[in-house]
Amino acid sequence: GHDTGRDRFRRNDPGFDWNIHVQRPWQFSDRYSLIPSIDVFNITNNANLLYPACNELQTCFQGTILQVPGDSRRMQFGVRLEF
């Protein structure tokens, strides 16, 4: 066993994706609490080019032709009631 490192055989895919999750519980009594939360995905709004899988009908050009933009910045809100 020789350790080749993580993702050694992966293509050079220089993506950067920074996500954050924030939540704050509010206690109403000893028994009930409300917990609102927010998730923000890809805070920096980087393009993060994706390399779609090629099938037998397409020709892959090693990432020069088939690069498509990835997900843009997205947000998600949630509320949880604990009792």
PDB file of N, CA and C in Angstrom:
ATOM      1  N   GLY A   1       0.720  -1.165   0.000  1.00  0.00           N
ATOM      2  CA  GLY A   1       0.000   0.000   0.000  1.00  0.00           C
ATOM      3  C   GLY A   1       0.790   1.279   0.000  1.00  0.00           C
ATOM      4  N   HIS A   2       0.658   1.985  -1.067  1.00  0.00           N
ATOM      5  CA  HIS A   2       1.245   3.315  -1.180  1.00  0.00           C
ATOM      6  C   HIS A   2       0.121   4.347  -1.155  1.00  0.00           C
ATOM      7  N   ASP A   3       0.239   5.324  -0.266  1.00  0.00           N
ATOM      8  CA  ASP A   3      -0.781   6.363  -0.150  1.00  0.00           C
ATOM      9  C   ASP A   3      -0.588   7.392  -1.254  1.00  0.00           C
ATOM     10  N   THR A   4      -1.565   7.501  -2.144  1.00  0.00           N
ATOM     11  CA  THR A   4      -1.469   8.460  -3.247  1.00  0.00           C
ATOM     12  C   THR A   4      -2.122   9.790  -2.909  1.00  0.00           C
ATOM     13  N   GLY A   5      -2.722   9.923  -1.755  1.00  0.00           N
ATOM     14  CA  GLY A   5      -3.360  11.170  -1.361  1.00  0.00           C
ATOM     15  C   GLY A   5      -4.819  11.208  -1.785  1.00  0.00           C
ATOM     16  N   ARG A   6      -5.521  12.125  -1.197  1.00  0.00           N
ATOM     17  CA  ARG A   6      -6.951  12.245  -1.476  1.00  0.00           C
ATOM     18  C   ARG A   6      -7.165  12.855  -2.857  1.00  0.00           C
ATOM     19  N   ASP A   7      -8.102  12.309  -3.620  1.00  0.00           N
ATOM     20  CA  ASP A   7      -8.462  12.787  -4.953  1.00  0.00           C
ATOM     21  C   ASP A   7      -7.255  12.879  -5.892  1.00  0.00           C
ATOM     22  N   ARG A   8      -6.351  11.933  -5.796  1.00  0.00           N
ATOM     23  CA  ARG A   8      -5.126  11.940  -6.598  1.00  0.00           C
ATOM     24  C   ARG A   8      -5.422  11.824  -8.088  1.00  0.00           C
ATOM     25  N   PHE A   9      -6.424  11.047  -8.471  1.00  0.00           N
ATOM     26  CA  PHE A   9      -6.689  10.787  -9.874  1.00  0.00           C
ATOM     27  C   PHE A   9      -7.797  11.682 -10.441  1.00  0.00           C
ATOM     28  N   ARG A  10      -8.190  12.677  -9.702  1.00  0.00           N
ATOM     29  CA  ARG A  10      -9.238  13.591 -10.131  1.00  0.00           C
ATOM     30  C   ARG A  10      -8.636  14.669 -11.045  1.00  0.00           C
ATOM     31  N   ARG A  11      -9.459  15.144 -11.964  1.00  0.00           N
ATOM     32  CA  ARG A  11      -9.015  16.249 -12.821  1.00  0.00           C
ATOM     33  C   ARG A  11      -8.792  17.504 -12.007  1.00  0.00           C
ATOM     34  N   ASN A  12      -8.057  18.442 -12.564  1.00  0.00           N
ATOM     35  CA  ASN A  12      -7.820  19.712 -11.909  1.00  0.00           C
ATOM     36  C   ASN A  12      -9.115  20.521 -11.938  1.00  0.00           C
ATOM     37  N   ASP A  13      -9.848  20.492 -10.844  1.00  0.00           N
ATOM     38  CA  ASP A  13     -11.143  21.159 -10.732  1.00  0.00           C
ATOM     39  C   ASP A  13     -11.055  22.168  -9.586  1.00  0.00           C
ATOM     40  N   PRO A  14     -10.580  23.388  -9.861  1.00  0.00           N
ATOM     41  CA  PRO A  14     -10.314  24.342  -8.784  1.00  0.00           C
ATOM     42  C   PRO A  14     -11.567  25.065  -8.299  1.00  0.00           C
ATOM     43  N   GLY A  15     -12.501  24.368  -7.726  1.00  0.00           N
ATOM     44  CA  GLY A  15     -13.719  24.982  -7.227  1.00  0.00           C
ATOM     45  C   GLY A  15     -13.541  25.491  -5.816  1.00  0.00           C
ATOM     46  N   PHE A  16     -14.265  26.527  -5.469  1.00  0.00           N
ATOM     47  CA  PHE A  16     -14.260  27.063  -4.113  1.00  0.00           C
ATOM     48  C   PHE A  16     -15.699  27.319  -3.716  1.00  0.00           C
ATOM     49  N   ASP A  17     -16.150  26.685  -2.656  1.00  0.00           N
ATOM     50  CA  ASP A  17     -17.530  26.797  -2.211  1.00  0.00           C
ATOM     51  C   ASP A  17     -17.516  26.967  -0.698  1.00  0.00           C
ATOM     52  N   TRP A  18     -18.008  28.107  -0.228  1.00  0.00           N
ATOM     53  CA  TRP A  18     -18.023  28.387   1.201  1.00  0.00           C
ATOM     54  C   TRP A  18     -19.465  28.492   1.648  1.00  0.00           C
ATOM     55  N   ASN A  19     -19.861  27.652   2.618  1.00  0.00           N
ATOM     56  CA  ASN A  19     -21.233  27.585   3.116  1.00  0.00           C
ATOM     57  C   ASN A  19     -21.252  27.943   4.600  1.00  0.00           C
ATOM     58  N   ILE A  20     -22.402  28.427   5.067  1.00  0.00           N
ATOM     59  CA  ILE A  20     -22.535  28.758   6.484  1.00  0.00           C
ATOM     60  C   ILE A  20     -23.948  28.390   6.956  1.00  0.00           C
ATOM     61  N   HIS A  21     -24.032  27.951   8.208  1.00  0.00           N
ATOM     62  CA  HIS A  21     -25.313  27.605   8.830  1.00  0.00           C
ATOM     63  C   HIS A  21     -25.361  28.330  10.173  1.00  0.00           C
ATOM     64  N   VAL A  22     -26.444  29.092  10.407  1.00  0.00           N
ATOM     65  CA  VAL A  22     -26.607  29.835  11.661  1.00  0.00           C
ATOM     66  C   VAL A  22     -27.981  29.519  12.227  1.00  0.00           C
ATOM     67  N   GLN A  23     -28.018  29.251  13.548  1.00  0.00           N
ATOM     68  CA  GLN A  23     -29.292  29.030  14.218  1.00  0.00           C
ATOM     69  C   GLN A  23     -29.221  29.617  15.618  1.00  0.00           C
ATOM     70  N   ARG A  24     -30.379  30.026  16.122  1.00  0.00           N
ATOM     71  CA  ARG A  24     -30.467  30.643  17.443  1.00  0.00           C
ATOM     72  C   ARG A  24     -31.740  30.176  18.122  1.00  0.00           C
ATOM     73  N   PRO A  25     -31.630  29.387  19.193  1.00  0.00           N
ATOM     74  CA  PRO A  25     -32.847  28.921  19.884  1.00  0.00           C
ATOM     75  C   PRO A  25     -33.437  30.004  20.778  1.00  0.00           C
ATOM     76  N   TRP A  26     -34.758  30.080  20.780  1.00  0.00           N
ATOM     77  CA  TRP A  26     -35.515  30.934  21.688  1.00  0.00           C
ATOM     78  C   TRP A  26     -36.366  30.045  22.575  1.00  0.00           C
ATOM     79  N   GLN A  27     -36.135  30.133  23.870  1.00  0.00           N
ATOM     80  CA  GLN A  27     -36.836  29.313  24.851  1.00  0.00           C
ATOM     81  C   GLN A  27     -38.104  30.030  25.297  1.00  0.00           C
ATOM     82  N   PHE A  28     -39.287  29.388  25.138  1.00  0.00           N
ATOM     83  CA  PHE A  28     -40.557  29.982  25.561  1.00  0.00           C
ATOM     84  C   PHE A  28     -40.949  29.551  26.967  1.00  0.00           C
ATOM     85  N   SER A  29     -40.612  28.364  27.306  1.00  0.00           N
ATOM     86  CA  SER A  29     -40.848  27.854  28.654  1.00  0.00           C
ATOM     87  C   SER A  29     -39.839  26.730  28.868  1.00  0.00           C
ATOM     88  N   ASP A  30     -40.002  26.006  29.966  1.00  0.00           N
ATOM     89  CA  ASP A  30     -39.085  24.882  30.198  1.00  0.00           C
ATOM     90  C   ASP A  30     -39.258  23.793  29.148  1.00  0.00           C
ATOM     91  N   ARG A  31     -40.415  23.792  28.509  1.00  0.00           N
ATOM     92  CA  ARG A  31     -40.733  22.700  27.598  1.00  0.00           C
ATOM     93  C   ARG A  31     -40.658  23.078  26.122  1.00  0.00           C
ATOM     94  N   TYR A  32     -40.890  24.319  25.754  1.00  0.00           N
ATOM     95  CA  TYR A  32     -40.975  24.720  24.348  1.00  0.00           C
ATOM     96  C   TYR A  32     -39.826  25.643  23.947  1.00  0.00           C
ATOM     97  N   SER A  33     -39.308  25.402  22.763  1.00  0.00           N
ATOM     98  CA  SER A  33     -38.313  26.312  22.192  1.00  0.00           C
ATOM     99  C   SER A  33     -38.496  26.372  20.676  1.00  0.00           C
ATOM    100  N   LEU A  34     -38.251  27.547  20.133  1.00  0.00           N
ATOM    101  CA  LEU A  34     -38.351  27.791  18.698  1.00  0.00           C
ATOM    102  C   LEU A  34     -36.940  28.079  18.192  1.00  0.00           C
ATOM    103  N   ILE A  35     -36.546  27.378  17.118  1.00  0.00           N
ATOM    104  CA  ILE A  35     -35.181  27.503  16.617  1.00  0.00           C
ATOM    105  C   ILE A  35     -35.211  27.900  15.142  1.00  0.00           C
ATOM    106  N   PRO A  36     -35.098  29.206  14.843  1.00  0.00           N
ATOM    107  CA  PRO A  36     -34.980  29.615  13.435  1.00  0.00           C
ATOM    108  C   PRO A  36     -33.552  29.393  12.958  1.00  0.00           C
ATOM    109  N   SER A  37     -33.396  29.096  11.679  1.00  0.00           N
ATOM    110  CA  SER A  37     -32.064  28.867  11.123  1.00  0.00           C
ATOM    111  C   SER A  37     -31.995  29.408   9.704  1.00  0.00           C
ATOM    112  N   ILE A  38     -30.782  29.695   9.269  1.00  0.00           N
ATOM    113  CA  ILE A  38     -30.526  30.155   7.914  1.00  0.00           C
ATOM    114  C   ILE A  38     -29.264  29.442   7.400  1.00  0.00           C
ATOM    115  N   ASP A  39     -29.333  28.980   6.170  1.00  0.00           N
ATOM    116  CA  ASP A  39     -28.190  28.378   5.485  1.00  0.00           C
ATOM    117  C   ASP A  39     -27.893  29.223   4.256  1.00  0.00           C
ATOM    118  N   VAL A  40     -26.632  29.544   4.051  1.00  0.00           N
ATOM    119  CA  VAL A  40     -26.210  30.270   2.852  1.00  0.00           C
ATOM    120  C   VAL A  40     -25.165  29.400   2.163  1.00  0.00           C
ATOM    121  N   PHE A  41     -25.419  29.080   0.897  1.00  0.00           N
ATOM    122  CA  PHE A  41     -24.528  28.235   0.121  1.00  0.00           C
ATOM    123  C   PHE A  41     -23.791  29.084  -0.909  1.00  0.00           C
ATOM    124  N   ASN A  42     -22.495  28.846  -1.077  1.00  0.00           N
ATOM    125  CA  ASN A  42     -21.636  29.564  -2.020  1.00  0.00           C
ATOM    126  C   ASN A  42     -21.680  31.064  -1.733  1.00  0.00           C
ATOM    127  N   ILE A  43     -21.282  31.448  -0.531  1.00  0.00           N
ATOM    128  CA  ILE A  43     -21.317  32.837  -0.082  1.00  0.00           C
ATOM    129  C   ILE A  43     -20.538  33.751  -1.021  1.00  0.00           C
ATOM    130  N   THR A  44     -19.393  33.302  -1.495  1.00  0.00           N
ATOM    131  CA  THR A  44     -18.544  34.135  -2.354  1.00  0.00           C
ATOM    132  C   THR A  44     -19.062  34.241  -3.775  1.00  0.00           C
ATOM    133  N   ASN A  45     -20.089  33.469  -4.134  1.00  0.00           N
ATOM    134  CA  ASN A  45     -20.724  33.487  -5.453  1.00  0.00           C
ATOM    135  C   ASN A  45     -19.731  33.195  -6.583  1.00  0.00           C
ATOM    136  N   ASN A  46     -18.781  32.277  -6.332  1.00  0.00           N
ATOM    137  CA  ASN A  46     -17.838  31.864  -7.369  1.00  0.00           C
ATOM    138  C   ASN A  46     -18.547  31.064  -8.449  1.00  0.00           C
ATOM    139  N   ALA A  47     -18.016  31.108  -9.668  1.00  0.00           N
ATOM    140  CA  ALA A  47     -18.632  30.394 -10.783  1.00  0.00           C
ATOM    141  C   ALA A  47     -18.542  28.886 -10.595  1.00  0.00           C
ATOM    142  N   ASN A  48     -17.431  28.369 -10.051  1.00  0.00           N
ATOM    143  CA  ASN A  48     -17.239  26.935  -9.815  1.00  0.00           C
ATOM    144  C   ASN A  48     -17.667  26.111 -11.029  1.00  0.00           C
ATOM    145  N   LEU A  49     -16.869  26.157 -12.065  1.00  0.00           N
ATOM    146  CA  LEU A  49     -17.194  25.446 -13.297  1.00  0.00           C
ATOM    147  C   LEU A  49     -17.326  23.953 -13.056  1.00  0.00           C
ATOM    148  N   LEU A  50     -18.346  23.360 -13.631  1.00  0.00           N
ATOM    149  CA  LEU A  50     -18.592  21.926 -13.508  1.00  0.00           C
ATOM    150  C   LEU A  50     -18.199  21.241 -14.813  1.00  0.00           C
ATOM    151  N   TYR A  51     -17.807  19.997 -14.691  1.00  0.00           N
ATOM    152  CA  TYR A  51     -17.455  19.190 -15.847  1.00  0.00           C
ATOM    153  C   TYR A  51     -18.480  18.067 -15.961  1.00  0.00           C
ATOM    154  N   PRO A  52     -19.508  18.236 -16.779  1.00  0.00           N
ATOM    155  CA  PRO A  52     -20.542  17.200 -16.867  1.00  0.00           C
ATOM    156  C   PRO A  52     -19.977  15.900 -17.418  1.00  0.00           C
ATOM    157  N   ALA A  53     -20.587  14.807 -17.015  1.00  0.00           N
ATOM    158  CA  ALA A  53     -20.149  13.494 -17.492  1.00  0.00           C
ATOM    159  C   ALA A  53     -20.422  13.367 -18.982  1.00  0.00           C
ATOM    160  N   CYS A  54     -19.516  12.711 -19.669  1.00  0.00           N
ATOM    161  CA  CYS A  54     -19.666  12.519 -21.111  1.00  0.00           C
ATOM    162  C   CYS A  54     -20.251  11.132 -21.364  1.00  0.00           C
ATOM    163  N   ASN A  55     -21.111  11.052 -22.354  1.00  0.00           N
ATOM    164  CA  ASN A  55     -21.635   9.749 -22.727  1.00  0.00           C
ATOM    165  C   ASN A  55     -21.119   9.387 -24.113  1.00  0.00           C
ATOM    166  N   GLU A  56     -21.585   8.303 -24.654  1.00  0.00           N
ATOM    167  CA  GLU A  56     -21.073   7.837 -25.938  1.00  0.00           C
ATOM    168  C   GLU A  56     -21.480   8.728 -27.112  1.00  0.00           C
ATOM    169  N   LEU A  57     -22.450   9.631 -26.939  1.00  0.00           N
ATOM    170  CA  LEU A  57     -22.870  10.515 -28.019  1.00  0.00           C
ATOM    171  C   LEU A  57     -22.115  11.839 -28.020  1.00  0.00           C
ATOM    172  N   GLN A  58     -21.394  12.145 -26.937  1.00  0.00           N
ATOM    173  CA  GLN A  58     -20.644  13.383 -26.838  1.00  0.00           C
ATOM    174  C   GLN A  58     -19.154  13.088 -26.866  1.00  0.00           C
ATOM    175  N   THR A  59     -18.385  14.075 -27.179  1.00  0.00           N
ATOM    176  CA  THR A  59     -16.936  13.970 -27.105  1.00  0.00           C
ATOM    177  C   THR A  59     -16.460  14.888 -25.994  1.00  0.00           C
ATOM    178  N   CYS A  60     -15.629  14.383 -25.118  1.00  0.00           N
ATOM    179  CA  CYS A  60     -15.076  15.197 -24.038  1.00  0.00           C
ATOM    180  C   CYS A  60     -13.756  15.799 -24.499  1.00  0.00           C
ATOM    181  N   PHE A  61     -13.579  17.082 -24.215  1.00  0.00           N
ATOM    182  CA  PHE A  61     -12.362  17.772 -24.598  1.00  0.00           C
ATOM    183  C   PHE A  61     -11.543  18.141 -23.373  1.00  0.00           C
ATOM    184  N   GLN A  62     -11.475  17.286 -22.411  1.00  0.00           N
ATOM    185  CA  GLN A  62     -10.696  17.481 -21.193  1.00  0.00           C
ATOM    186  C   GLN A  62     -11.021  18.803 -20.494  1.00  0.00           C
ATOM    187  N   GLY A  63     -12.282  19.180 -20.480  1.00  0.00           N
ATOM    188  CA  GLY A  63     -12.707  20.345 -19.726  1.00  0.00           C
ATOM    189  C   GLY A  63     -12.552  21.662 -20.447  1.00  0.00           C
ATOM    190  N   THR A  64     -12.194  21.670 -21.717  1.00  0.00           N
ATOM    191  CA  THR A  64     -12.031  22.954 -22.406  1.00  0.00           C
ATOM    192  C   THR A  64     -13.324  23.416 -23.061  1.00  0.00           C
ATOM    193  N   ILE A  65     -14.201  22.510 -23.466  1.00  0.00           N
ATOM    194  CA  ILE A  65     -15.428  22.869 -24.164  1.00  0.00           C
ATOM    195  C   ILE A  65     -16.650  22.720 -23.266  1.00  0.00           C
ATOM    196  N   LEU A  66     -16.698  21.671 -22.472  1.00  0.00           N
ATOM    197  CA  LEU A  66     -17.921  21.322 -21.756  1.00  0.00           C
ATOM    198  C   LEU A  66     -17.993  21.863 -20.334  1.00  0.00           C
ATOM    199  N   GLN A  67     -17.321  22.970 -20.032  1.00  0.00           N
ATOM    200  CA  GLN A  67     -17.428  23.556 -18.705  1.00  0.00           C
ATOM    201  C   GLN A  67     -18.716  24.363 -18.625  1.00  0.00           C
ATOM    202  N   VAL A  68     -19.479  24.136 -17.590  1.00  0.00           N
ATOM    203  CA  VAL A  68     -20.715  24.889 -17.374  1.00  0.00           C
ATOM    204  C   VAL A  68     -20.661  25.497 -15.981  1.00  0.00           C
ATOM    205  N   PRO A  69     -21.261  26.682 -15.785  1.00  0.00           N
ATOM    206  CA  PRO A  69     -21.243  27.297 -14.453  1.00  0.00           C
ATOM    207  C   PRO A  69     -21.993  26.447 -13.441  1.00  0.00           C
ATOM    208  N   GLY A  70     -21.496  26.413 -12.214  1.00  0.00           N
ATOM    209  CA  GLY A  70     -22.139  25.669 -11.140  1.00  0.00           C
ATOM    210  C   GLY A  70     -23.219  26.483 -10.465  1.00  0.00           C
ATOM    211  N   ASP A  71     -23.570  26.092  -9.257  1.00  0.00           N
ATOM    212  CA  ASP A  71     -24.645  26.761  -8.517  1.00  0.00           C
ATOM    213  C   ASP A  71     -24.209  28.148  -8.062  1.00  0.00           C
ATOM    214  N   SER A  72     -25.108  29.096  -8.159  1.00  0.00           N
ATOM    215  CA  SER A  72     -24.839  30.443  -7.667  1.00  0.00           C
ATOM    216  C   SER A  72     -25.138  30.494  -6.174  1.00  0.00           C
ATOM    217  N   ARG A  73     -25.043  31.692  -5.600  1.00  0.00           N
ATOM    218  CA  ARG A  73     -25.330  31.844  -4.172  1.00  0.00           C
ATOM    219  C   ARG A  73     -26.796  31.514  -3.925  1.00  0.00           C
ATOM    220  N   ARG A  74     -27.049  30.722  -2.889  1.00  0.00           N
ATOM    221  CA  ARG A  74     -28.421  30.337  -2.536  1.00  0.00           C
ATOM    222  C   ARG A  74     -28.602  30.411  -1.033  1.00  0.00           C
ATOM    223  N   MET A  75     -29.845  30.662  -0.619  1.00  0.00           N
ATOM    224  CA  MET A  75     -30.167  30.739   0.803  1.00  0.00           C
ATOM    225  C   MET A  75     -31.353  29.836   1.112  1.00  0.00           C
ATOM    226  N   GLN A  76     -31.391  29.391   2.354  1.00  0.00           N
ATOM    227  CA  GLN A  76     -32.470  28.525   2.805  1.00  0.00           C
ATOM    228  C   GLN A  76     -32.807  28.909   4.246  1.00  0.00           C
ATOM    229  N   PHE A  77     -34.086  29.069   4.535  1.00  0.00           N
ATOM    230  CA  PHE A  77     -34.545  29.413   5.880  1.00  0.00           C
ATOM    231  C   PHE A  77     -35.322  28.239   6.461  1.00  0.00           C
ATOM    232  N   GLY A  78     -35.256  28.095   7.771  1.00  0.00           N
ATOM    233  CA  GLY A  78     -36.005  27.023   8.413  1.00  0.00           C
ATOM    234  C   GLY A  78     -36.375  27.404   9.851  1.00  0.00           C
ATOM    235  N   VAL A  79     -37.402  26.744  10.349  1.00  0.00           N
ATOM    236  CA  VAL A  79     -37.837  26.946  11.741  1.00  0.00           C
ATOM    237  C   VAL A  79     -38.161  25.585  12.324  1.00  0.00           C
ATOM    238  N   ARG A  80     -37.700  25.346  13.542  1.00  0.00           N
ATOM    239  CA  ARG A  80     -37.987  24.082  14.211  1.00  0.00           C
ATOM    240  C   ARG A  80     -38.598  24.388  15.580  1.00  0.00           C
ATOM    241  N   LEU A  81     -39.664  23.679  15.915  1.00  0.00           N
ATOM    242  CA  LEU A  81     -40.298  23.811  17.230  1.00  0.00           C
ATOM    243  C   LEU A  81     -40.012  22.538  18.015  1.00  0.00           C
ATOM    244  N   GLU A  82     -39.364  22.691  19.142  1.00  0.00           N
ATOM    245  CA  GLU A  82     -39.081  21.548  20.015  1.00  0.00           C
ATOM    246  C   GLU A  82     -39.998  21.607  21.218  1.00  0.00           C
ATOM    247  N   PHE A  83     -40.578  20.440  21.557  1.00  0.00           N
ATOM    248  CA  PHE A  83     -41.451  20.371  22.727  1.00  0.00           C
ATOM    249  C   PHE A  83     -41.267  19.047  23.403  1.00  0.00           C
TER     250      PHE A  83
END
